[in-house]
């Protein structure tokens, strides 16, 4: 069976997280990047599903507060992904959800930066997917690495920042977290933070043509290399 690729976005509500100057809205940016990655994958012959597409509309998505709506939205996305995993078999598919990170909740600039690849806790096939994404990031984000090194000299980034944020305590590069869409999906799943929406140079990079292209190529190459192992 041909491998099925599931992509996910951060939010559906555009009033959610954004950069302090409002130029980058996480919900909009993640949808744009999902579209870009999907088009590249489909051009290569892969079948791609997006976790929010069935929401047109979904009654359980109706809510009066952002917090409640977000909770229902996450549950619905997992419901969609798990239905697809049941249909095609969890060993024949995998899920990559695209987000933007933030150092703090307030609308202010900070000096944290970098791309992060998260999985659920423990050793699973999600860790293998994350390693392919990490290797692809090393290859494709050379321009971003240079940008960060220059930014450190100007105080835009803290001296301890890395262009790919990792945790090697369990022997691989991914960070582990109890994110809902990672804990509760039946197939291998990673969540990729594509940069920090409260770091000005990260925002400039993510919104640039160069940044969009480099990030999308990193995602596409990592995805297709992992798909080739299934």
N, C-alpha and C. Protein backbone atom coordinates (compact mmCIF):
# COMPACT_ATOMS: atom_id res chain seq x y z
N UNK A 1 0.84 -1.20 0.00
CA UNK A 1 0.00 0.00 0.00
C UNK A 1 0.88 1.25 0.00
N UNK A 2 0.49 2.24 -0.82
CA UNK A 2 1.23 3.50 -0.84
C UNK A 2 1.09 4.19 0.52
N UNK A 3 2.18 4.81 0.96
CA UNK A 3 2.17 5.45 2.27
C UNK A 3 1.35 6.73 2.26
N UNK A 4 0.59 6.93 3.32
CA UNK A 4 -0.27 8.10 3.45
C UNK A 4 0.37 9.09 4.43
N UNK A 5 0.39 10.35 4.04
CA UNK A 5 1.01 11.39 4.85
C UNK A 5 -0.08 12.32 5.37
N UNK A 6 -0.10 12.52 6.67
CA UNK A 6 -1.06 13.42 7.30
C UNK A 6 -0.32 14.67 7.78
N UNK A 7 -0.83 15.83 7.44
CA UNK A 7 -0.26 17.10 7.89
C UNK A 7 -1.24 17.82 8.79
N UNK A 8 -0.70 18.58 9.75
CA UNK A 8 -1.57 19.31 10.68
C UNK A 8 -1.10 20.73 10.87
N UNK A 9 -2.02 21.59 11.25
CA UNK A 9 -1.71 23.00 11.50
C UNK A 9 -1.93 23.34 12.97
N UNK A 10 -1.50 24.54 13.32
CA UNK A 10 -1.53 24.97 14.71
C UNK A 10 -2.94 25.22 15.22
N UNK A 11 -3.68 26.07 14.55
CA UNK A 11 -5.01 26.47 15.01
C UNK A 11 -5.88 26.77 13.79
N UNK A 12 -7.16 26.86 14.03
CA UNK A 12 -8.07 27.34 12.98
C UNK A 12 -8.48 28.78 13.23
N UNK A 13 -8.42 29.21 14.48
CA UNK A 13 -8.87 30.56 14.83
C UNK A 13 -7.72 31.54 14.68
N UNK A 14 -7.85 32.50 13.77
CA UNK A 14 -6.78 33.46 13.49
C UNK A 14 -6.52 34.43 14.63
N UNK A 15 -7.36 34.44 15.64
CA UNK A 15 -7.18 35.36 16.77
C UNK A 15 -6.25 34.80 17.83
N UNK A 16 -5.62 33.65 17.53
CA UNK A 16 -4.73 33.02 18.49
C UNK A 16 -3.35 33.65 18.51
N UNK A 17 -2.32 32.84 18.61
CA UNK A 17 -0.95 33.33 18.79
C UNK A 17 -0.43 34.08 17.58
N UNK A 18 0.39 35.11 17.85
CA UNK A 18 0.97 35.90 16.76
C UNK A 18 2.23 36.58 17.26
N UNK A 19 3.00 37.13 16.31
CA UNK A 19 4.19 37.90 16.67
C UNK A 19 3.77 39.22 17.32
N UNK A 20 4.64 39.84 18.13
CA UNK A 20 4.27 41.10 18.79
C UNK A 20 3.82 42.19 17.83
N UNK A 21 4.39 42.20 16.62
CA UNK A 21 4.00 43.23 15.65
C UNK A 21 2.85 42.80 14.74
N UNK A 22 2.34 41.59 14.94
CA UNK A 22 1.20 41.12 14.18
C UNK A 22 1.49 40.65 12.77
N UNK A 23 2.77 40.65 12.37
CA UNK A 23 3.08 40.25 11.00
C UNK A 23 2.91 38.76 10.77
N UNK A 24 3.19 37.96 11.79
CA UNK A 24 3.07 36.52 11.68
C UNK A 24 1.96 36.04 12.61
N UNK A 25 0.94 35.44 12.06
CA UNK A 25 -0.15 34.83 12.82
C UNK A 25 0.03 33.32 12.69
N UNK A 26 0.24 32.65 13.82
CA UNK A 26 0.58 31.23 13.77
C UNK A 26 -0.41 30.41 12.95
N UNK A 27 -1.70 30.64 13.16
CA UNK A 27 -2.71 29.86 12.45
C UNK A 27 -2.58 30.03 10.94
N UNK A 28 -2.37 31.26 10.51
CA UNK A 28 -2.27 31.54 9.07
C UNK A 28 -0.96 30.97 8.51
N UNK A 29 0.14 31.21 9.23
CA UNK A 29 1.44 30.76 8.73
C UNK A 29 1.50 29.24 8.64
N UNK A 30 1.00 28.55 9.65
CA UNK A 30 1.07 27.09 9.62
C UNK A 30 0.21 26.53 8.49
N UNK A 31 -0.96 27.14 8.23
CA UNK A 31 -1.77 26.69 7.09
C UNK A 31 -1.05 26.94 5.78
N UNK A 32 -0.40 28.09 5.66
CA UNK A 32 0.35 28.39 4.43
C UNK A 32 1.47 27.37 4.21
N UNK A 33 2.17 27.01 5.27
CA UNK A 33 3.27 26.06 5.14
C UNK A 33 2.76 24.65 4.85
N UNK A 34 1.64 24.28 5.45
CA UNK A 34 1.03 22.98 5.13
C UNK A 34 0.67 22.93 3.65
N UNK A 35 0.11 24.00 3.13
CA UNK A 35 -0.25 24.05 1.70
C UNK A 35 1.00 23.89 0.83
N UNK A 36 2.07 24.60 1.20
CA UNK A 36 3.31 24.55 0.43
C UNK A 36 3.91 23.14 0.45
N UNK A 37 3.97 22.53 1.63
CA UNK A 37 4.53 21.19 1.77
C UNK A 37 3.65 20.18 1.04
N UNK A 38 2.35 20.32 1.18
CA UNK A 38 1.45 19.39 0.51
C UNK A 38 1.61 19.43 -1.00
N UNK A 39 1.70 20.62 -1.56
CA UNK A 39 1.85 20.74 -3.01
C UNK A 39 3.12 20.07 -3.49
N UNK A 40 4.21 20.23 -2.73
CA UNK A 40 5.47 19.60 -3.13
C UNK A 40 5.38 18.08 -3.03
N UNK A 41 4.75 17.57 -1.99
CA UNK A 41 4.61 16.12 -1.83
C UNK A 41 3.70 15.53 -2.90
N UNK A 42 2.59 16.20 -3.18
CA UNK A 42 1.67 15.68 -4.19
C UNK A 42 2.30 15.71 -5.58
N UNK A 43 3.15 16.69 -5.83
CA UNK A 43 3.86 16.74 -7.12
C UNK A 43 4.79 15.56 -7.28
N UNK A 44 5.23 14.99 -6.16
CA UNK A 44 6.10 13.81 -6.17
C UNK A 44 5.30 12.51 -6.15
N UNK A 45 3.97 12.62 -6.13
CA UNK A 45 3.11 11.44 -6.21
C UNK A 45 2.59 10.90 -4.90
N UNK A 46 2.82 11.60 -3.79
CA UNK A 46 2.32 11.14 -2.51
C UNK A 46 0.88 11.57 -2.29
N UNK A 47 0.15 10.76 -1.54
CA UNK A 47 -1.21 11.12 -1.15
C UNK A 47 -1.15 11.77 0.23
N UNK A 48 -1.68 12.98 0.32
CA UNK A 48 -1.54 13.79 1.52
C UNK A 48 -2.92 14.18 2.04
N UNK A 49 -3.13 14.06 3.33
CA UNK A 49 -4.35 14.48 4.00
C UNK A 49 -4.00 15.58 5.00
N UNK A 50 -4.93 16.49 5.22
CA UNK A 50 -4.73 17.58 6.18
C UNK A 50 -5.78 17.45 7.26
N UNK A 51 -5.36 17.56 8.51
CA UNK A 51 -6.24 17.20 9.63
C UNK A 51 -7.44 18.12 9.81
N UNK A 52 -7.42 19.34 9.27
CA UNK A 52 -8.56 20.22 9.49
C UNK A 52 -9.58 20.19 8.35
N UNK A 53 -9.30 19.51 7.26
CA UNK A 53 -10.18 19.57 6.09
C UNK A 53 -11.60 19.09 6.36
N UNK A 54 -11.81 18.05 7.18
CA UNK A 54 -13.20 17.63 7.42
C UNK A 54 -14.03 18.63 8.22
N UNK A 55 -13.40 19.68 8.77
CA UNK A 55 -14.10 20.62 9.65
C UNK A 55 -14.90 21.65 8.84
N UNK A 56 -15.98 21.23 8.17
CA UNK A 56 -16.69 22.16 7.30
C UNK A 56 -18.20 21.94 7.31
N UNK A 57 -18.86 22.35 8.39
CA UNK A 57 -18.31 22.63 9.72
C UNK A 57 -18.49 21.40 10.60
N UNK A 58 -17.86 21.36 11.71
CA UNK A 58 -18.04 20.28 12.67
C UNK A 58 -18.79 20.83 13.88
N UNK A 59 -19.95 20.30 14.22
CA UNK A 59 -20.74 20.86 15.33
C UNK A 59 -19.96 20.93 16.64
N UNK A 60 -19.09 19.93 16.90
CA UNK A 60 -18.37 19.94 18.17
C UNK A 60 -17.33 21.04 18.24
N UNK A 61 -17.08 21.73 17.12
CA UNK A 61 -16.13 22.83 17.13
C UNK A 61 -16.74 24.13 17.64
N UNK A 62 -18.06 24.18 17.75
CA UNK A 62 -18.70 25.41 18.20
C UNK A 62 -18.47 25.59 19.71
N UNK A 63 -17.97 26.76 20.08
CA UNK A 63 -17.69 27.02 21.50
C UNK A 63 -17.70 28.52 21.73
N UNK A 64 -17.86 28.91 22.99
CA UNK A 64 -17.97 30.33 23.31
C UNK A 64 -16.64 30.96 23.69
N UNK A 65 -15.65 30.16 24.06
CA UNK A 65 -14.36 30.71 24.46
C UNK A 65 -13.24 30.09 23.64
N UNK A 66 -12.15 30.85 23.49
CA UNK A 66 -11.00 30.36 22.73
C UNK A 66 -10.43 29.09 23.37
N UNK A 67 -10.33 29.05 24.70
CA UNK A 67 -9.74 27.89 25.38
C UNK A 67 -10.57 26.63 25.13
N UNK A 68 -11.88 26.74 25.24
CA UNK A 68 -12.75 25.59 24.99
C UNK A 68 -12.70 25.19 23.53
N UNK A 69 -12.71 26.17 22.64
CA UNK A 69 -12.67 25.87 21.21
C UNK A 69 -11.38 25.14 20.86
N UNK A 70 -10.26 25.60 21.43
CA UNK A 70 -8.97 24.96 21.15
C UNK A 70 -8.97 23.52 21.62
N UNK A 71 -9.51 23.26 22.80
CA UNK A 71 -9.57 21.90 23.33
C UNK A 71 -10.41 21.00 22.43
N UNK A 72 -11.55 21.50 21.98
CA UNK A 72 -12.41 20.70 21.10
C UNK A 72 -11.74 20.48 19.74
N UNK A 73 -11.03 21.50 19.29
CA UNK A 73 -10.34 21.39 18.00
C UNK A 73 -9.28 20.30 18.04
N UNK A 74 -8.48 20.24 19.11
CA UNK A 74 -7.45 19.21 19.22
C UNK A 74 -8.08 17.82 19.22
N UNK A 75 -9.16 17.65 19.97
CA UNK A 75 -9.84 16.36 20.01
C UNK A 75 -10.36 15.98 18.64
N UNK A 76 -10.88 16.95 17.92
CA UNK A 76 -11.40 16.66 16.59
C UNK A 76 -10.29 16.27 15.63
N UNK A 77 -9.15 16.97 15.69
CA UNK A 77 -8.03 16.63 14.81
C UNK A 77 -7.57 15.19 15.06
N UNK A 78 -7.44 14.80 16.33
CA UNK A 78 -7.03 13.44 16.66
C UNK A 78 -8.07 12.44 16.15
N UNK A 79 -9.33 12.80 16.25
CA UNK A 79 -10.39 11.94 15.74
C UNK A 79 -10.23 11.71 14.23
N UNK A 80 -9.92 12.77 13.51
CA UNK A 80 -9.73 12.68 12.06
C UNK A 80 -8.52 11.80 11.74
N UNK A 81 -7.39 12.06 12.40
CA UNK A 81 -6.17 11.31 12.13
C UNK A 81 -6.35 9.83 12.47
N UNK A 82 -6.97 9.55 13.59
CA UNK A 82 -7.14 8.15 13.99
C UNK A 82 -8.10 7.41 13.06
N UNK A 83 -9.10 8.10 12.55
CA UNK A 83 -9.99 7.47 11.57
C UNK A 83 -9.22 7.10 10.31
N UNK A 84 -8.34 7.98 9.87
CA UNK A 84 -7.51 7.69 8.70
C UNK A 84 -6.52 6.57 8.99
N UNK A 85 -5.94 6.58 10.19
CA UNK A 85 -5.00 5.52 10.57
C UNK A 85 -5.71 4.16 10.62
N UNK A 86 -6.94 4.14 11.11
CA UNK A 86 -7.72 2.89 11.11
C UNK A 86 -8.00 2.43 9.68
N UNK A 87 -8.27 3.37 8.80
CA UNK A 87 -8.60 3.03 7.42
C UNK A 87 -7.41 2.45 6.67
N UNK A 88 -6.24 3.08 6.82
CA UNK A 88 -5.07 2.69 6.03
C UNK A 88 -4.07 1.82 6.80
N UNK A 89 -4.26 1.73 8.11
CA UNK A 89 -3.33 0.98 8.94
C UNK A 89 -2.27 1.90 9.52
N UNK A 90 -2.07 1.88 10.84
CA UNK A 90 -1.13 2.82 11.47
C UNK A 90 0.31 2.66 11.01
N UNK A 91 0.65 1.49 10.44
CA UNK A 91 2.02 1.29 9.95
C UNK A 91 2.21 1.82 8.53
N UNK A 92 1.12 2.26 7.91
CA UNK A 92 1.19 2.75 6.54
C UNK A 92 1.05 4.26 6.44
N UNK A 93 1.10 4.96 7.58
CA UNK A 93 0.87 6.40 7.55
C UNK A 93 1.59 7.06 8.73
N UNK A 94 1.70 8.37 8.67
CA UNK A 94 2.30 9.13 9.76
C UNK A 94 1.84 10.58 9.67
N UNK A 95 2.05 11.31 10.77
CA UNK A 95 1.46 12.63 10.97
C UNK A 95 2.54 13.63 11.36
N UNK A 96 2.56 14.77 10.67
CA UNK A 96 3.49 15.86 11.00
C UNK A 96 2.67 17.14 11.16
N UNK A 97 2.69 17.71 12.36
CA UNK A 97 1.90 18.90 12.67
C UNK A 97 2.84 20.11 12.76
N UNK A 98 2.48 21.21 12.10
CA UNK A 98 3.37 22.37 11.96
C UNK A 98 2.89 23.53 12.82
N UNK A 99 3.81 24.07 13.62
CA UNK A 99 3.48 25.12 14.58
C UNK A 99 4.56 26.19 14.60
N UNK A 100 4.33 27.25 15.38
CA UNK A 100 5.33 28.27 15.66
C UNK A 100 5.49 28.37 17.18
N UNK A 101 6.72 28.45 17.62
CA UNK A 101 7.04 28.46 19.04
C UNK A 101 6.97 29.87 19.60
N UNK A 102 7.08 29.99 20.93
CA UNK A 102 7.13 31.29 21.60
C UNK A 102 7.86 31.13 22.93
N UNK A 103 8.67 32.12 23.27
CA UNK A 103 9.41 32.08 24.53
C UNK A 103 8.53 32.46 25.71
N UNK A 104 7.53 33.29 25.47
CA UNK A 104 6.65 33.77 26.55
C UNK A 104 5.31 34.14 25.96
N UNK A 105 4.33 34.30 26.85
CA UNK A 105 2.98 34.58 26.39
C UNK A 105 2.69 36.04 26.10
N UNK A 106 3.47 36.92 26.69
CA UNK A 106 3.16 38.34 26.51
C UNK A 106 3.61 38.80 25.13
N UNK A 107 3.05 39.90 24.66
CA UNK A 107 3.38 40.43 23.33
C UNK A 107 4.66 41.26 23.39
N UNK A 108 5.80 40.57 23.47
CA UNK A 108 7.09 41.24 23.53
C UNK A 108 8.11 40.38 22.81
N UNK A 109 9.17 41.01 22.30
CA UNK A 109 10.23 40.28 21.62
C UNK A 109 11.16 39.63 22.63
N UNK A 110 11.67 38.43 22.29
CA UNK A 110 12.61 37.70 23.14
C UNK A 110 13.78 37.21 22.31
N UNK A 111 14.80 36.66 22.98
CA UNK A 111 16.00 36.26 22.25
C UNK A 111 16.13 34.75 22.09
N UNK A 112 15.05 33.99 22.31
CA UNK A 112 15.05 32.56 22.02
C UNK A 112 14.77 32.34 20.54
N UNK A 113 15.33 31.29 19.99
CA UNK A 113 15.08 30.96 18.59
C UNK A 113 15.36 29.50 18.33
N UNK A 114 15.07 29.07 17.11
CA UNK A 114 15.38 27.70 16.71
C UNK A 114 14.16 26.90 16.32
N UNK A 115 14.42 25.85 15.60
CA UNK A 115 13.40 24.88 15.19
C UNK A 115 13.46 23.69 16.14
N UNK A 116 12.30 23.16 16.52
CA UNK A 116 12.24 22.02 17.44
C UNK A 116 11.35 20.95 16.86
N UNK A 117 11.75 19.70 17.04
CA UNK A 117 10.95 18.56 16.61
C UNK A 117 10.55 17.78 17.86
N UNK A 118 9.26 17.70 18.12
CA UNK A 118 8.74 17.03 19.31
C UNK A 118 8.12 15.68 18.96
N UNK A 119 8.25 14.73 19.88
CA UNK A 119 7.52 13.48 19.84
C UNK A 119 6.88 13.24 21.20
N UNK A 120 6.06 12.22 21.29
CA UNK A 120 5.54 11.80 22.59
C UNK A 120 6.66 11.12 23.37
N UNK A 121 6.43 10.82 24.63
CA UNK A 121 7.46 10.26 25.49
C UNK A 121 7.70 8.77 25.18
N UNK A 122 8.94 8.35 25.36
CA UNK A 122 9.30 6.96 25.11
C UNK A 122 9.81 6.74 23.70
N UNK A 123 10.34 5.55 23.46
CA UNK A 123 10.90 5.20 22.15
C UNK A 123 9.83 4.55 21.28
N UNK A 124 9.50 5.20 20.18
CA UNK A 124 8.50 4.70 19.24
C UNK A 124 8.98 5.02 17.82
N UNK A 125 8.19 4.64 16.84
CA UNK A 125 8.52 4.98 15.45
C UNK A 125 8.48 6.49 15.22
N UNK A 126 7.82 7.22 16.11
CA UNK A 126 7.82 8.68 16.01
C UNK A 126 9.24 9.23 16.13
N UNK A 127 10.06 8.57 16.96
CA UNK A 127 11.45 9.01 17.11
C UNK A 127 12.23 8.82 15.81
N UNK A 128 11.93 7.77 15.07
CA UNK A 128 12.59 7.55 13.78
C UNK A 128 12.20 8.65 12.79
N UNK A 129 10.92 8.98 12.77
CA UNK A 129 10.46 10.08 11.92
C UNK A 129 11.17 11.38 12.30
N UNK A 130 11.28 11.64 13.59
CA UNK A 130 11.94 12.86 14.06
C UNK A 130 13.40 12.91 13.63
N UNK A 131 14.10 11.76 13.63
CA UNK A 131 15.50 11.74 13.22
C UNK A 131 15.66 12.09 11.74
N UNK A 132 14.75 11.63 10.91
CA UNK A 132 14.81 11.99 9.50
C UNK A 132 14.56 13.49 9.31
N UNK A 133 13.64 14.03 10.07
CA UNK A 133 13.38 15.47 10.00
C UNK A 133 14.58 16.26 10.50
N UNK A 134 15.21 15.77 11.57
CA UNK A 134 16.40 16.45 12.09
C UNK A 134 17.53 16.44 11.05
N UNK A 135 17.81 15.28 10.46
CA UNK A 135 18.88 15.20 9.45
C UNK A 135 18.60 16.14 8.29
N UNK A 136 17.34 16.22 7.90
CA UNK A 136 16.97 17.12 6.80
C UNK A 136 17.15 18.58 7.20
N UNK A 137 16.86 18.90 8.46
CA UNK A 137 17.05 20.27 8.93
C UNK A 137 18.52 20.67 8.89
N UNK A 138 19.41 19.78 9.29
CA UNK A 138 20.84 20.06 9.23
C UNK A 138 21.26 20.38 7.80
N UNK A 139 20.69 19.68 6.85
CA UNK A 139 21.06 19.86 5.44
C UNK A 139 20.47 21.14 4.85
N UNK A 140 19.21 21.43 5.17
CA UNK A 140 18.49 22.49 4.47
C UNK A 140 18.50 23.84 5.18
N UNK A 141 18.86 23.88 6.45
CA UNK A 141 18.75 25.14 7.20
C UNK A 141 20.11 25.78 7.47
N UNK A 142 21.03 25.59 6.55
CA UNK A 142 22.36 26.21 6.68
C UNK A 142 22.22 27.73 6.71
N UNK A 143 21.31 28.28 5.89
CA UNK A 143 21.11 29.74 5.87
C UNK A 143 20.60 30.24 7.21
N UNK A 144 19.70 29.49 7.82
CA UNK A 144 19.16 29.89 9.12
C UNK A 144 20.23 29.78 10.21
N UNK A 145 21.06 28.75 10.13
CA UNK A 145 22.17 28.60 11.09
C UNK A 145 23.07 29.83 11.04
N UNK A 146 23.41 30.28 9.83
CA UNK A 146 24.25 31.46 9.70
C UNK A 146 23.58 32.71 10.22
N UNK A 147 22.28 32.84 9.96
CA UNK A 147 21.52 33.99 10.46
C UNK A 147 21.56 34.05 11.98
N UNK A 148 21.38 32.90 12.62
CA UNK A 148 21.39 32.88 14.08
C UNK A 148 22.76 33.24 14.63
N UNK A 149 23.81 32.74 14.01
CA UNK A 149 25.15 33.07 14.50
C UNK A 149 25.41 34.57 14.40
N UNK A 150 24.96 35.19 13.32
CA UNK A 150 25.10 36.65 13.19
C UNK A 150 24.24 37.37 14.22
N UNK A 151 23.05 36.83 14.47
CA UNK A 151 22.16 37.44 15.44
C UNK A 151 22.70 37.40 16.86
N UNK A 152 23.45 36.36 17.19
CA UNK A 152 24.05 36.27 18.52
C UNK A 152 25.01 37.43 18.75
N UNK A 153 25.71 37.82 17.71
CA UNK A 153 26.66 38.92 17.85
C UNK A 153 25.96 40.24 18.14
N UNK A 154 24.70 40.35 17.75
CA UNK A 154 23.93 41.58 17.97
C UNK A 154 22.94 41.47 19.12
N UNK A 155 22.96 40.36 19.82
CA UNK A 155 22.07 40.19 20.96
C UNK A 155 20.64 39.81 20.59
N UNK A 156 20.40 39.50 19.32
CA UNK A 156 19.06 39.08 18.89
C UNK A 156 18.74 37.69 19.43
N UNK A 157 19.77 36.86 19.53
CA UNK A 157 19.63 35.52 20.08
C UNK A 157 20.56 35.38 21.28
N UNK A 158 20.13 34.60 22.26
CA UNK A 158 20.99 34.31 23.39
C UNK A 158 22.16 33.45 22.96
N UNK A 159 23.26 33.55 23.69
CA UNK A 159 24.48 32.83 23.31
C UNK A 159 24.30 31.32 23.32
N UNK A 160 23.36 30.81 24.12
CA UNK A 160 23.19 29.36 24.22
C UNK A 160 22.15 28.83 23.24
N UNK A 161 21.64 29.67 22.36
CA UNK A 161 20.61 29.24 21.43
C UNK A 161 21.22 28.41 20.29
N UNK A 162 20.47 27.46 19.78
CA UNK A 162 20.89 26.63 18.65
C UNK A 162 19.80 26.67 17.59
N UNK A 163 20.21 26.64 16.33
CA UNK A 163 19.21 26.73 15.25
C UNK A 163 18.31 25.51 15.18
N UNK A 164 18.77 24.38 15.72
CA UNK A 164 17.90 23.22 15.91
C UNK A 164 17.97 22.87 17.40
N UNK A 165 16.87 22.97 18.08
CA UNK A 165 16.82 22.73 19.53
C UNK A 165 16.63 21.23 19.76
N UNK A 166 17.52 20.63 20.55
CA UNK A 166 17.51 19.17 20.72
C UNK A 166 17.59 18.78 22.19
N UNK A 167 17.32 17.50 22.42
CA UNK A 167 17.47 16.90 23.75
C UNK A 167 18.03 15.50 23.54
N UNK A 168 19.32 15.31 23.85
CA UNK A 168 19.99 14.04 23.58
C UNK A 168 20.00 13.09 24.78
N UNK A 169 19.20 13.37 25.80
CA UNK A 169 19.26 12.56 27.02
C UNK A 169 18.84 11.11 26.78
N UNK A 170 18.01 10.86 25.75
CA UNK A 170 17.60 9.48 25.46
C UNK A 170 18.28 8.95 24.21
N UNK A 171 19.31 9.65 23.72
CA UNK A 171 20.09 9.14 22.61
C UNK A 171 19.68 9.61 21.24
N UNK A 172 18.60 10.38 21.13
CA UNK A 172 18.23 10.95 19.84
C UNK A 172 17.91 12.43 19.99
N UNK A 173 17.63 13.11 18.87
CA UNK A 173 17.62 14.57 18.87
C UNK A 173 16.28 15.20 19.24
N UNK A 174 15.19 14.46 19.14
CA UNK A 174 13.88 15.06 19.37
C UNK A 174 13.69 15.43 20.84
N UNK A 175 12.81 16.41 21.05
CA UNK A 175 12.34 16.70 22.40
C UNK A 175 11.03 15.96 22.61
N UNK A 176 10.76 15.58 23.84
CA UNK A 176 9.55 14.83 24.15
C UNK A 176 8.59 15.70 24.95
N UNK A 177 7.30 15.56 24.65
CA UNK A 177 6.30 16.38 25.33
C UNK A 177 4.96 15.64 25.33
N UNK A 178 4.09 16.04 26.24
CA UNK A 178 2.77 15.42 26.35
C UNK A 178 1.73 16.18 25.53
N UNK A 179 2.09 16.63 24.34
CA UNK A 179 1.13 17.34 23.51
C UNK A 179 0.01 16.39 23.09
N UNK A 180 -1.20 16.90 23.08
CA UNK A 180 -2.38 16.06 22.86
C UNK A 180 -2.31 15.31 21.54
N UNK A 181 -1.91 16.01 20.47
CA UNK A 181 -1.92 15.37 19.15
C UNK A 181 -0.78 14.37 18.99
N UNK A 182 0.20 14.38 19.90
CA UNK A 182 1.26 13.38 19.87
C UNK A 182 0.91 12.18 20.74
N UNK A 183 0.30 12.42 21.89
CA UNK A 183 -0.04 11.34 22.83
C UNK A 183 -1.17 10.46 22.33
N UNK A 184 -2.09 11.03 21.56
CA UNK A 184 -3.36 10.34 21.31
C UNK A 184 -3.58 9.89 19.87
N UNK A 185 -2.62 10.11 18.99
CA UNK A 185 -2.76 9.60 17.63
C UNK A 185 -2.22 8.18 17.54
N UNK A 186 -2.82 7.37 16.69
CA UNK A 186 -2.48 5.96 16.59
C UNK A 186 -1.26 5.68 15.71
N UNK A 187 -0.90 6.63 14.87
CA UNK A 187 0.23 6.45 13.97
C UNK A 187 1.43 7.27 14.45
N UNK A 188 2.63 7.02 13.94
CA UNK A 188 3.77 7.87 14.30
C UNK A 188 3.45 9.34 14.05
N UNK A 189 3.91 10.20 14.96
CA UNK A 189 3.55 11.61 14.88
C UNK A 189 4.66 12.48 15.42
N UNK A 190 4.90 13.60 14.75
CA UNK A 190 5.84 14.63 15.21
C UNK A 190 5.16 15.99 15.14
N UNK A 191 5.56 16.85 16.04
CA UNK A 191 5.13 18.24 16.01
C UNK A 191 6.39 19.09 15.79
N UNK A 192 6.37 19.91 14.74
CA UNK A 192 7.53 20.73 14.38
C UNK A 192 7.23 22.19 14.68
N UNK A 193 8.04 22.76 15.56
CA UNK A 193 8.00 24.21 15.79
C UNK A 193 8.97 24.85 14.79
N UNK A 194 8.43 25.63 13.85
CA UNK A 194 9.22 26.11 12.71
C UNK A 194 10.04 27.36 13.01
N UNK A 195 10.00 27.83 14.23
CA UNK A 195 10.71 29.04 14.64
C UNK A 195 9.92 29.74 15.72
N UNK A 196 10.49 30.81 16.26
CA UNK A 196 9.86 31.53 17.37
C UNK A 196 9.15 32.78 16.86
N UNK A 197 7.86 32.85 17.13
CA UNK A 197 7.07 33.99 16.67
C UNK A 197 7.29 35.23 17.53
N UNK A 198 8.05 35.10 18.62
CA UNK A 198 8.37 36.29 19.41
C UNK A 198 9.88 36.59 19.39
N UNK A 199 10.54 36.15 18.31
CA UNK A 199 11.91 36.60 18.02
C UNK A 199 11.87 37.28 16.65
N UNK A 200 12.31 38.53 16.58
CA UNK A 200 12.14 39.31 15.37
C UNK A 200 12.85 38.69 14.17
N UNK A 201 14.08 38.20 14.37
CA UNK A 201 14.80 37.63 13.24
C UNK A 201 14.21 36.29 12.81
N UNK A 202 13.70 35.51 13.74
CA UNK A 202 12.99 34.29 13.37
C UNK A 202 11.76 34.62 12.53
N UNK A 203 11.02 35.63 12.94
CA UNK A 203 9.83 36.03 12.19
C UNK A 203 10.22 36.50 10.79
N UNK A 204 11.26 37.34 10.70
CA UNK A 204 11.72 37.79 9.39
C UNK A 204 12.08 36.61 8.50
N UNK A 205 12.78 35.64 9.08
CA UNK A 205 13.21 34.47 8.30
C UNK A 205 12.01 33.63 7.87
N UNK A 206 11.11 33.33 8.81
CA UNK A 206 9.96 32.49 8.48
C UNK A 206 9.09 33.11 7.39
N UNK A 207 8.98 34.44 7.39
CA UNK A 207 8.12 35.11 6.42
C UNK A 207 8.81 35.35 5.08
N UNK A 208 10.12 35.22 5.03
CA UNK A 208 10.86 35.47 3.79
C UNK A 208 10.67 34.32 2.80
N UNK A 209 10.88 34.60 1.53
CA UNK A 209 10.81 33.54 0.52
C UNK A 209 11.88 32.48 0.80
N UNK A 210 13.07 32.93 1.18
CA UNK A 210 14.15 31.99 1.50
C UNK A 210 13.76 31.08 2.66
N UNK A 211 13.23 31.67 3.72
CA UNK A 211 12.84 30.88 4.88
C UNK A 211 11.73 29.89 4.57
N UNK A 212 10.70 30.35 3.88
CA UNK A 212 9.60 29.46 3.52
C UNK A 212 10.11 28.28 2.70
N UNK A 213 10.97 28.58 1.73
CA UNK A 213 11.48 27.52 0.87
C UNK A 213 12.35 26.54 1.66
N UNK A 214 13.28 27.06 2.46
CA UNK A 214 14.18 26.18 3.21
C UNK A 214 13.42 25.31 4.20
N UNK A 215 12.47 25.89 4.92
CA UNK A 215 11.69 25.12 5.89
C UNK A 215 10.85 24.07 5.17
N UNK A 216 10.22 24.44 4.07
CA UNK A 216 9.39 23.47 3.35
C UNK A 216 10.23 22.33 2.79
N UNK A 217 11.44 22.64 2.27
CA UNK A 217 12.30 21.58 1.75
C UNK A 217 12.78 20.66 2.87
N UNK A 218 13.07 21.23 4.02
CA UNK A 218 13.46 20.42 5.17
C UNK A 218 12.35 19.44 5.53
N UNK A 219 11.12 19.92 5.55
CA UNK A 219 9.99 19.07 5.89
C UNK A 219 9.74 18.01 4.82
N UNK A 220 9.74 18.41 3.57
CA UNK A 220 9.45 17.48 2.48
C UNK A 220 10.50 16.38 2.41
N UNK A 221 11.77 16.74 2.46
CA UNK A 221 12.82 15.73 2.35
C UNK A 221 12.81 14.77 3.53
N UNK A 222 12.60 15.30 4.75
CA UNK A 222 12.52 14.43 5.90
C UNK A 222 11.35 13.47 5.82
N UNK A 223 10.22 13.98 5.35
CA UNK A 223 9.01 13.16 5.22
C UNK A 223 9.20 12.04 4.20
N UNK A 224 9.73 12.36 3.03
CA UNK A 224 9.83 11.34 1.99
C UNK A 224 10.91 10.30 2.34
N UNK A 225 11.94 10.70 3.04
CA UNK A 225 12.95 9.72 3.45
C UNK A 225 12.40 8.77 4.50
N UNK A 226 11.58 9.30 5.42
CA UNK A 226 10.95 8.40 6.38
C UNK A 226 9.94 7.51 5.69
N UNK A 227 9.16 8.06 4.76
CA UNK A 227 8.16 7.26 4.03
C UNK A 227 8.82 6.09 3.30
N UNK A 228 10.05 6.28 2.85
CA UNK A 228 10.76 5.23 2.15
C UNK A 228 11.18 4.08 3.04
N UNK A 229 11.09 4.25 4.36
CA UNK A 229 11.46 3.17 5.27
C UNK A 229 10.27 2.32 5.69
N UNK A 230 9.06 2.76 5.37
CA UNK A 230 7.87 2.04 5.84
C UNK A 230 7.54 0.84 4.94
